[in-house]
Amino acid sequence: MHTKTDSEVTSLDASSTTRSPRRPAYYVQSPSHDGEKTTTSFHSTPVISPMGSPPHSHSSSSRFSGSRKINNHRNNNNNNNKHWKDIDVIEEEGLLQSQDHHHSLTRRYYFLAFVLGFFLLFTLFSLILWGASRPMKPHITIKSIKFDHVRVQAGSDATGVATDMITVNSTVKFTYRNKGTFFGVHVTSTPLDLSYSDIIIGTGNMKKFYQSRKSERLVNVAVMGSKIPLYGSGAGLSSTTGMPTLPVPLKLNFEIRSRAYVLGRLVKPKYYKRIHCSVVFDPKKINVSVSLKNSCTYD
């Protein structure tokens, strides 16, 4: 039996070492893209499992596609969040605009209601004042008339017609009392006409005045006429002295107008009083006041 020497043993071990079987090589299949067509290619570089078993790792393209899906999902979530945030902002702005519009309409309605209410209340208040002022008509009393001078003489009118002519100088007195408790009045009058047989022989103009509330005054008005033609009516008045010898019936007519300013110029009731007096001129009572308290009517 042949015994192997140490050198042979050593050479055998070395050869066994060099001739040890190779570990299997595995190849990774990855898709390659060329335009719109997809082909499959094999990489020549082997991937060797460290433990000699087939590798189980994923390719880089798979990891890339996975991460891209994650990123796309995150981007979609972010976009969705932004979209909903934009919708929330738009809805909030719409609500704010709707509220502002509602408040604007409400303020406008309140303003219109205030104006209308104020107008109605003011009108009602004015009507109340007007109604309350109507019974407070001024009170007028004709007191007397005094003839200072009366003379009848022959003459002619502006056309040269001969006729009797009369000259009168007299004074009429009356009292004016404002019964208004919360307003004054402005008083005017038509001319005071003194007539004989429908012929005006004397005229007087009262000066306008203001009468405060709940007050009274005595008014004097001069009624005069100078050389008024009497034509055929003066036959019974003429005398040698120029003074009528018999009582002469006369009439006094005028109208007093009063205007009250209760509420400025908005409420201003008016009062009219027409006065008719029967006057008798007595030649024996010259320069004497003749009472007219029971000789006048008031319309």
Protein backbone atom coordinates (compact mmCIF):
# COMPACT_ATOMS: atom_id res chain seq x y z
CA MET A 1 0.00 0.00 0.00
CA HIS A 2 1.27 3.29 -1.13
CA THR A 3 1.55 5.89 1.52
CA LYS A 4 1.01 9.50 0.54
CA THR A 5 3.67 11.76 1.41
CA ASP A 6 3.23 15.12 3.03
CA SER A 7 3.88 16.89 -0.22
CA GLU A 8 1.19 14.96 -1.98
CA VAL A 9 -1.25 15.65 0.79
CA THR A 10 -0.47 19.28 0.59
CA SER A 11 -0.90 19.34 -3.19
CA LEU A 12 -4.19 17.49 -2.90
CA ASP A 13 -5.51 19.96 -0.37
CA ALA A 14 -4.51 22.84 -2.59
CA SER A 15 -6.14 21.28 -5.63
CA SER A 16 -9.29 20.59 -3.68
CA THR A 17 -9.29 24.13 -2.60
CA THR A 18 -8.89 25.53 -6.09
CA ARG A 19 -11.45 23.12 -7.51
CA SER A 20 -14.20 23.91 -4.98
CA PRO A 21 -17.54 24.38 -6.69
CA ARG A 22 -18.61 27.92 -7.64
CA ARG A 23 -21.62 29.51 -6.00
CA PRO A 24 -24.52 30.05 -8.34
CA ALA A 25 -24.96 33.52 -9.87
CA TYR A 26 -28.36 35.21 -10.00
CA TYR A 27 -29.40 37.88 -12.45
CA VAL A 28 -31.90 40.74 -11.80
CA GLN A 29 -34.39 41.46 -14.50
CA SER A 30 -35.23 45.22 -14.82
CA PRO A 31 -37.41 46.91 -17.39
CA SER A 32 -35.90 49.38 -19.75
CA HIS A 33 -38.02 52.09 -21.40
CA ASP A 34 -37.50 53.20 -24.94
CA GLY A 35 -40.08 55.78 -25.91
CA GLU A 36 -43.56 54.26 -25.58
CA LYS A 37 -42.34 50.60 -25.95
CA THR A 38 -41.21 48.53 -23.03
CA THR A 39 -38.62 45.81 -23.40
CA THR A 40 -37.03 43.45 -20.95
CA SER A 41 -33.24 43.21 -20.60
CA PHE A 42 -30.95 41.29 -18.35
CA HIS A 43 -28.01 42.89 -16.64
CA SER A 44 -24.80 40.88 -16.95
CA THR A 45 -23.68 41.88 -13.50
CA PRO A 46 -24.53 39.10 -11.11
CA VAL A 47 -26.01 39.73 -7.70
CA ILE A 48 -24.63 37.18 -5.30
CA SER A 49 -26.30 36.46 -2.07
CA PRO A 50 -23.81 36.46 0.73
CA MET A 51 -25.27 33.26 2.06
CA GLY A 52 -25.33 31.54 -1.30
CA SER A 53 -29.12 31.75 -1.56
CA PRO A 54 -31.13 33.71 -4.17
CA PRO A 55 -31.42 37.40 -3.39
CA HIS A 56 -34.82 38.81 -2.17
CA SER A 57 -34.09 42.56 -2.44
CA HIS A 58 -36.26 44.83 -4.65
CA SER A 59 -34.90 46.76 -7.54
CA SER A 60 -34.09 50.48 -7.43
CA SER A 61 -36.87 51.22 -9.90
CA SER A 62 -39.42 49.58 -7.60
CA ARG A 63 -38.15 51.64 -4.67
CA PHE A 64 -38.30 54.76 -6.84
CA SER A 65 -41.82 54.02 -8.00
CA GLY A 66 -42.88 53.33 -4.43
CA SER A 67 -41.39 56.53 -3.12
CA ARG A 68 -42.97 58.38 -6.04
CA LYS A 69 -46.35 56.95 -5.18
CA ILE A 70 -45.86 58.06 -1.58
CA ASN A 71 -44.82 61.52 -2.70
CA ASN A 72 -47.73 61.68 -5.13
CA HIS A 73 -50.07 60.61 -2.36
CA ARG A 74 -48.64 63.25 -0.05
CA ASN A 75 -48.87 65.86 -2.77
CA ASN A 76 -52.44 64.82 -3.46
CA ASN A 77 -53.21 65.06 0.23
CA ASN A 78 -51.54 68.49 0.39
CA ASN A 79 -53.42 69.61 -2.71
CA ASN A 80 -56.65 68.29 -1.28
CA ASN A 81 -55.95 70.06 2.00
CA LYS A 82 -55.17 73.28 0.14
CA HIS A 83 -58.28 72.81 -1.97
CA TRP A 84 -60.48 72.37 1.09
CA LYS A 85 -58.75 75.28 2.79
CA ASP A 86 -59.46 77.42 -0.27
CA ILE A 87 -63.08 76.28 -0.21
CA ASP A 88 -63.29 77.10 3.51
CA VAL A 89 -61.82 80.57 2.89
CA ILE A 90 -64.23 81.19 0.00
CA GLU A 91 -67.18 80.01 2.08
CA GLU A 92 -66.04 82.16 5.01
CA GLU A 93 -65.67 85.18 2.73
CA GLY A 94 -69.10 84.46 1.26
CA LEU A 95 -70.58 84.25 4.75
CA LEU A 96 -68.87 87.50 5.76
CA GLN A 97 -70.10 89.25 2.61
CA SER A 98 -73.61 87.88 3.19
CA GLN A 99 -73.52 89.07 6.79
CA ASP A 100 -72.25 92.51 5.73
CA HIS A 101 -74.99 92.73 3.10
CA HIS A 102 -77.57 91.64 5.67
CA HIS A 103 -76.31 94.22 8.18
CA SER A 104 -76.35 96.91 5.47
CA LEU A 105 -79.95 96.08 4.56
CA THR A 106 -80.89 95.99 8.23
CA ARG A 107 -79.35 99.42 8.84
CA ARG A 108 -81.12 100.77 5.75
CA TYR A 109 -84.46 99.38 6.93
CA TYR A 110 -83.88 100.82 10.40
CA PHE A 111 -83.06 104.20 8.90
CA LEU A 112 -86.15 104.18 6.69
CA ALA A 113 -88.29 103.06 9.60
CA PHE A 114 -86.81 105.84 11.76
CA VAL A 115 -87.49 108.49 9.10
CA LEU A 116 -91.02 107.22 8.52
CA GLY A 117 -91.72 106.98 12.24
CA PHE A 118 -90.32 110.45 12.85
CA PHE A 119 -92.41 111.86 10.02
CA LEU A 120 -95.57 110.21 11.34
CA LEU A 121 -94.93 111.32 14.90
CA PHE A 122 -94.10 114.84 13.78
CA THR A 123 -97.27 114.97 11.66
CA LEU A 124 -99.35 113.66 14.55
CA PHE A 125 -97.77 116.15 16.91
CA SER A 126 -98.41 118.99 14.43
CA LEU A 127 -102.04 117.95 14.05
CA ILE A 128 -102.45 117.86 17.81
CA LEU A 129 -100.99 121.35 18.12
CA TRP A 130 -103.14 122.60 15.26
CA GLY A 131 -106.26 121.10 16.81
CA ALA A 132 -105.38 122.50 20.21
CA SER A 133 -104.83 125.99 18.80
CA ARG A 134 -108.09 126.20 16.84
CA PRO A 135 -110.33 127.04 19.83
CA MET A 136 -107.91 129.74 20.98
CA LYS A 137 -109.21 132.40 18.63
CA PRO A 138 -108.34 135.97 19.52
CA HIS A 139 -110.98 138.04 21.23
CA ILE A 140 -111.73 141.48 19.74
CA THR A 141 -113.94 144.15 21.25
CA ILE A 142 -114.72 147.46 19.56
CA LYS A 143 -114.87 149.99 22.35
CA SER A 144 -115.62 153.43 20.92
CA ILE A 145 -115.35 155.98 18.16
CA LYS A 146 -114.61 159.67 18.61
CA PHE A 147 -115.24 162.33 15.97
CA ASP A 148 -112.69 165.08 16.14
CA HIS A 149 -113.87 166.97 13.10
CA VAL A 150 -116.80 166.72 10.67
CA ARG A 151 -117.52 169.33 7.98
CA VAL A 152 -119.82 169.42 4.95
CA GLN A 153 -119.29 172.06 2.28
CA ALA A 154 -120.02 172.74 -1.37
CA GLY A 155 -117.41 171.83 -3.96
CA SER A 156 -116.75 169.88 -7.13
CA ASP A 157 -115.25 166.50 -7.91
CA ALA A 158 -112.23 165.75 -10.10
CA THR A 159 -114.33 166.10 -13.25
CA GLY A 160 -115.73 169.48 -12.23
CA VAL A 161 -119.20 168.32 -11.22
CA ALA A 162 -120.62 170.50 -8.41
CA THR A 163 -121.58 168.56 -5.28
CA ASP A 164 -121.47 168.60 -1.51
CA MET A 165 -118.20 167.30 -0.05
CA ILE A 166 -117.51 165.96 3.46
CA THR A 167 -114.37 165.91 5.54
CA VAL A 168 -114.14 163.52 8.52
CA ASN A 169 -111.48 163.06 11.19
CA SER A 170 -112.18 160.33 13.76
CA THR A 171 -110.52 157.69 15.96
CA VAL A 172 -111.64 154.11 16.51
CA LYS A 173 -110.59 152.20 19.62
CA PHE A 174 -110.75 148.46 20.21
CA THR A 175 -109.06 145.82 22.35
CA TYR A 176 -107.25 142.78 20.99
CA ARG A 177 -106.64 139.82 23.29
CA ASN A 178 -104.63 136.73 22.40
CA LYS A 179 -106.06 133.73 24.23
CA GLY A 180 -103.35 131.35 23.06
CA THR A 181 -101.54 129.72 25.95
CA PHE A 182 -98.45 128.57 24.02
CA PHE A 183 -98.17 130.79 20.92
CA GLY A 184 -98.15 134.42 19.84
CA VAL A 185 -99.94 135.90 16.85
CA HIS A 186 -99.15 138.36 14.08
CA VAL A 187 -102.07 140.72 13.50
CA THR A 188 -103.00 142.67 10.37
CA SER A 189 -106.19 144.32 9.23
CA THR A 190 -108.04 145.46 6.14
CA PRO A 191 -108.72 149.21 5.91
CA LEU A 192 -111.34 150.47 8.37
CA ASP A 193 -114.05 151.94 6.17
CA LEU A 194 -116.53 154.49 7.52
CA SER A 195 -119.41 154.90 5.07
CA TYR A 196 -122.52 157.00 4.59
CA SER A 197 -125.21 155.76 2.19
CA ASP A 198 -122.72 153.26 0.72
CA ILE A 199 -120.22 156.05 0.12
CA ILE A 200 -116.94 155.63 1.97
CA ILE A 201 -116.29 158.95 3.69
CA GLY A 202 -113.33 157.88 5.81
CA THR A 203 -110.63 155.18 5.79
CA GLY A 204 -108.12 154.08 8.39
CA ASN A 205 -105.15 151.64 8.26
CA MET A 206 -104.12 149.71 11.32
CA LYS A 207 -100.44 149.10 11.84
CA LYS A 208 -99.61 145.40 12.02
CA PHE A 209 -98.34 144.13 15.33
CA TYR A 210 -97.34 140.99 17.21
CA GLN A 211 -99.31 139.89 20.23
CA SER A 212 -97.64 137.50 22.64
CA ARG A 213 -99.47 134.63 24.30
CA LYS A 214 -102.18 135.36 26.85
CA SER A 215 -101.87 139.11 26.49
CA GLU A 216 -104.06 142.06 25.47
CA ARG A 217 -103.62 145.52 23.99
CA LEU A 218 -105.67 148.62 23.18
CA VAL A 219 -105.52 149.62 19.52
CA ASN A 220 -106.22 153.11 18.19
CA VAL A 221 -106.85 153.67 14.49
CA ALA A 222 -107.38 157.03 12.85
CA VAL A 223 -110.20 157.03 10.29
CA MET A 224 -110.17 160.07 8.03
CA GLY A 225 -111.53 161.38 4.76
CA SER A 226 -110.91 164.71 3.05
CA LYS A 227 -113.43 166.35 0.65
CA ILE A 228 -115.23 163.19 -0.32
CA PRO A 229 -117.97 163.95 -2.93
CA LEU A 230 -121.47 163.10 -1.66
CA TYR A 231 -123.34 163.94 -4.84
CA GLY A 232 -127.07 163.73 -4.15
CA SER A 233 -126.67 162.06 -0.75
CA GLY A 234 -125.33 165.11 1.01
CA ALA A 235 -128.44 167.27 0.76
CA GLY A 236 -129.56 166.45 4.33
CA LEU A 237 -126.09 167.09 5.80
CA SER A 238 -125.39 170.57 4.54
CA SER A 239 -125.87 173.62 6.74
CA THR A 240 -124.78 177.20 6.90
CA THR A 241 -122.14 176.35 9.53
CA GLY A 242 -120.88 173.27 7.69
CA MET A 243 -121.77 171.03 10.61
CA PRO A 244 -124.67 168.62 10.23
CA THR A 245 -127.55 169.63 12.46
CA LEU A 246 -129.11 166.15 12.80
CA PRO A 247 -127.66 162.76 13.81
CA VAL A 248 -126.06 161.02 10.87
CA PRO A 249 -126.16 157.18 10.59
CA LEU A 250 -122.83 155.67 9.57
CA LYS A 251 -121.34 152.19 9.18
CA LEU A 252 -117.92 150.91 10.14
CA ASN A 253 -116.60 147.74 8.43
CA PHE A 254 -113.24 146.01 8.53
CA GLU A 255 -111.60 142.60 9.00
CA ILE A 256 -108.84 141.65 11.42
CA ARG A 257 -106.53 138.82 10.37
CA SER A 258 -104.42 136.91 12.85
CA ARG A 259 -101.78 134.30 12.13
CA ALA A 260 -100.20 132.15 14.81
CA TYR A 261 -96.84 130.39 14.47
CA VAL A 262 -97.39 127.41 16.75
CA LEU A 263 -94.51 125.28 15.40
CA GLY A 264 -92.42 127.62 13.34
CA ARG A 265 -93.88 128.03 9.88
CA LEU A 266 -95.12 124.43 9.74
CA VAL A 267 -98.13 124.85 12.02
CA LYS A 268 -99.59 128.33 11.56
CA PRO A 269 -103.34 128.55 12.12
CA LYS A 270 -105.12 131.63 10.81
CA TYR A 271 -108.00 133.53 12.37
CA TYR A 272 -110.26 135.98 10.57
CA LYS A 273 -112.75 138.28 12.22
CA ARG A 274 -115.10 140.48 10.24
CA ILE A 275 -116.53 143.37 12.17
CA HIS A 276 -119.62 145.45 11.31
CA CYS A 277 -120.60 148.39 13.48
CA SER A 278 -123.54 150.76 13.31
CA VAL A 279 -122.35 154.26 14.20
CA VAL A 280 -124.43 157.35 14.81
CA PHE A 281 -122.72 160.69 14.55
CA ASP A 282 -124.32 163.19 16.92
CA PRO A 283 -123.26 166.80 16.25
CA LYS A 284 -123.68 167.45 19.96
CA LYS A 285 -121.01 164.87 20.86
CA ILE A 286 -118.06 166.20 18.93
CA ASN A 287 -114.74 165.23 20.50
CA VAL A 288 -116.58 162.76 22.73
CA SER A 289 -116.01 158.99 22.63
CA VAL A 290 -119.14 157.13 21.61
CA SER A 291 -119.42 153.58 22.92
CA LEU A 292 -119.77 150.81 20.33
CA LYS A 293 -119.82 147.79 22.62
CA ASN A 294 -123.41 146.95 21.75
CA SER A 295 -123.35 148.24 18.21
CA CYS A 296 -121.01 145.73 16.49
CA THR A 297 -121.32 142.22 15.12
CA TYR A 298 -118.39 139.82 14.71
CA ASP A 299 -118.26 137.18 12.01
